[in-house]
Each structure stands twice: as C-alpha cells, then as structure tokens.
Amino acid sequence: MNEQYEYVPHRLLHRRVRDIASGVEGELMAVINENVSDSASHQRWMELAYIRGATGREFTTAVENVEPAHDQPKTAAGRRDMRSA
C-alpha cells in the first residue's frame, strides 16, 4: 500500500481538545486526510486528528470526535472540587 496523506487546516490546531470517544484531553497536533484502505484497487480516505496527550504520546481519532477542552479537569477529583464550590 502506498502511503498517501495530506494535511488539513483545522480551527483547533495547537489548542487543547478533548476526544469525545475516549474522554482523553490533549493538544491537537495535526489533522491529516489519510488513505486508510488495505487494498490498492479501492482507496478509502479519512480525516484523522492527531492528539498529544499528557504523557506526550500521540493518538488518533476521527476528526468528528474532536471538541474544545473545557477549563475544568475531567478527573474524579476535579468533579468533587466543582460540587463543593
């Protein structure tokens, strides 16, 4: 399979975002339109968001799963703090 891709501009690039599929937050590093097909005869393109999490590791998700992160932490401790306020 030939690797084929192109970078796509995105309004949240280099901002803190949240992957709604996993709940993980991080910095949106890139959005790439990638050929994700497993055969040369049929190409299937998908826009993937590359997010760098707190550990420094990047992961991908569908670009439709990306939303701006909220200022409040998503941890259990953060939810407790918000209730007591």
C-alpha atoms as a PDB file:
ATOM      1  CA  MET A   1       0.000   0.000   0.000  1.00  0.00           C
ATOM      2  CA  ASN A   2       1.322   3.432  -0.902  1.00  0.00           C
ATOM      3  CA  GLU A   3       1.178   5.842   1.979  1.00  0.00           C
ATOM      4  CA  GLN A   4      -0.950   8.760   0.886  1.00  0.00           C
ATOM      5  CA  TYR A   5      -1.937  11.686   3.024  1.00  0.00           C
ATOM      6  CA  GLU A   6      -2.446  15.437   3.079  1.00  0.00           C
ATOM      7  CA  TYR A   7      -2.517  17.910   5.952  1.00  0.00           C
ATOM      8  CA  VAL A   8      -5.857  19.629   6.556  1.00  0.00           C
ATOM      9  CA  PRO A   9      -6.288  23.013   8.289  1.00  0.00           C
ATOM     10  CA  HIS A  10      -8.390  22.943  11.466  1.00  0.00           C
ATOM     11  CA  ARG A  11      -9.622  25.762  13.729  1.00  0.00           C
ATOM     12  CA  LEU A  12      -8.438  23.952  16.896  1.00  0.00           C
ATOM     13  CA  LEU A  13      -4.914  23.162  15.699  1.00  0.00           C
ATOM     14  CA  HIS A  14      -2.359  23.511  18.544  1.00  0.00           C
ATOM     15  CA  ARG A  15      -5.136  24.046  21.088  1.00  0.00           C
ATOM     16  CA  ARG A  16      -6.312  21.893  23.969  1.00  0.00           C
ATOM     17  CA  VAL A  17      -9.011  19.499  22.783  1.00  0.00           C
ATOM     18  CA  ARG A  18     -10.977  16.509  24.028  1.00  0.00           C
ATOM     19  CA  ASP A  19     -11.605  13.260  22.169  1.00  0.00           C
ATOM     20  CA  ILE A  20     -15.292  12.610  22.844  1.00  0.00           C
ATOM     21  CA  ALA A  21     -14.867   8.892  22.053  1.00  0.00           C
ATOM     22  CA  SER A  22     -12.342   8.282  24.854  1.00  0.00           C
ATOM     23  CA  GLY A  23     -12.659  11.406  27.021  1.00  0.00           C
ATOM     24  CA  VAL A  24      -8.899  11.989  26.771  1.00  0.00           C
ATOM     25  CA  GLU A  25      -7.661  15.572  26.509  1.00  0.00           C
ATOM     26  CA  GLY A  26      -4.540  16.861  24.827  1.00  0.00           C
ATOM     27  CA  GLU A  27      -3.166  19.214  22.182  1.00  0.00           C
ATOM     28  CA  LEU A  28      -4.374  18.854  18.593  1.00  0.00           C
ATOM     29  CA  MET A  29      -1.129  18.418  16.678  1.00  0.00           C
ATOM     30  CA  ALA A  30      -2.438  17.775  13.163  1.00  0.00           C
ATOM     31  CA  VAL A  31      -5.422  16.783  11.067  1.00  0.00           C
ATOM     32  CA  ILE A  32      -4.483  14.552   8.177  1.00  0.00           C
ATOM     33  CA  ASN A  33      -6.590  13.205   5.337  1.00  0.00           C
ATOM     34  CA  GLU A  34      -5.212   9.662   5.071  1.00  0.00           C
ATOM     35  CA  ASN A  35      -5.729   6.758   2.736  1.00  0.00           C
ATOM     36  CA  VAL A  36      -6.744   4.050   5.225  1.00  0.00           C
ATOM     37  CA  SER A  37      -7.591   1.354   2.680  1.00  0.00           C
ATOM     38  CA  ASP A  38      -5.921  -2.034   2.779  1.00  0.00           C
ATOM     39  CA  SER A  39      -6.011  -2.563  -0.975  1.00  0.00           C
ATOM     40  CA  ALA A  40      -4.545  -0.661  -3.888  1.00  0.00           C
ATOM     41  CA  SER A  41      -7.660  -1.085  -6.002  1.00  0.00           C
ATOM     42  CA  HIS A  42     -10.081   0.661  -3.633  1.00  0.00           C
ATOM     43  CA  GLN A  43      -8.981   3.817  -1.835  1.00  0.00           C
ATOM     44  CA  ARG A  44     -10.715   4.916   1.342  1.00  0.00           C
ATOM     45  CA  TRP A  45      -9.833   8.344   2.719  1.00  0.00           C
ATOM     46  CA  MET A  46     -10.492   9.505   6.266  1.00  0.00           C
ATOM     47  CA  GLU A  47      -9.680  12.675   8.188  1.00  0.00           C
ATOM     48  CA  LEU A  48      -7.790  11.702  11.335  1.00  0.00           C
ATOM     49  CA  ALA A  49      -6.950  14.006  14.221  1.00  0.00           C
ATOM     50  CA  TYR A  50      -3.576  13.504  15.917  1.00  0.00           C
ATOM     51  CA  ILE A  51      -3.785  14.468  19.599  1.00  0.00           C
ATOM     52  CA  ARG A  52      -0.832  14.560  22.007  1.00  0.00           C
ATOM     53  CA  GLY A  53      -1.949  13.528  25.482  1.00  0.00           C
ATOM     54  CA  ALA A  54      -0.452  14.450  28.850  1.00  0.00           C
ATOM     55  CA  THR A  55       2.071  11.592  28.621  1.00  0.00           C
ATOM     56  CA  GLY A  56       3.498  13.034  25.404  1.00  0.00           C
ATOM     57  CA  ARG A  57       2.152  10.141  23.354  1.00  0.00           C
ATOM     58  CA  GLU A  58       0.034  10.929  20.325  1.00  0.00           C
ATOM     59  CA  PHE A  59      -3.101   9.056  19.378  1.00  0.00           C
ATOM     60  CA  THR A  60      -5.565   9.342  16.539  1.00  0.00           C
ATOM     61  CA  THR A  61      -9.302   9.720  16.432  1.00  0.00           C
ATOM     62  CA  ALA A  62     -11.844  10.683  13.809  1.00  0.00           C
ATOM     63  CA  VAL A  63     -11.817  14.450  13.366  1.00  0.00           C
ATOM     64  CA  GLU A  64     -15.559  14.464  14.148  1.00  0.00           C
ATOM     65  CA  ASN A  65     -14.689  13.333  17.708  1.00  0.00           C
ATOM     66  CA  VAL A  66     -12.635  16.452  18.478  1.00  0.00           C
ATOM     67  CA  GLU A  67     -14.086  19.257  20.583  1.00  0.00           C
ATOM     68  CA  PRO A  68     -12.521  22.139  22.526  1.00  0.00           C
ATOM     69  CA  ALA A  69     -11.454  21.099  26.022  1.00  0.00           C
ATOM     70  CA  HIS A  70     -13.097  22.780  28.971  1.00  0.00           C
ATOM     71  CA  ASP A  71     -11.056  24.587  31.590  1.00  0.00           C
ATOM     72  CA  GLN A  72     -12.257  22.260  34.341  1.00  0.00           C
ATOM     73  CA  PRO A  73     -10.350  18.994  34.858  1.00  0.00           C
ATOM     74  CA  LYS A  74     -12.084  15.765  33.813  1.00  0.00           C
ATOM     75  CA  THR A  75     -10.750  13.762  36.757  1.00  0.00           C
ATOM     76  CA  ALA A  76     -12.819  12.444  39.654  1.00  0.00           C
ATOM     77  CA  ALA A  77     -11.009  14.882  41.974  1.00  0.00           C
ATOM     78  CA  GLY A  78     -11.917  17.750  39.657  1.00  0.00           C
ATOM     79  CA  ARG A  79     -15.584  16.760  39.693  1.00  0.00           C
ATOM     80  CA  ARG A  80     -15.543  16.629  43.527  1.00  0.00           C
ATOM     81  CA  ASP A  81     -13.998  20.114  43.660  1.00  0.00           C
ATOM     82  CA  MET A  82     -16.675  21.502  41.344  1.00  0.00           C
ATOM     83  CA  ARG A  83     -19.528  20.067  43.505  1.00  0.00           C
ATOM     84  CA  SER A  84     -18.152  21.551  46.720  1.00  0.00           C
ATOM     85  CA  ALA A  85     -17.757  25.013  45.207  1.00  0.00           C
END
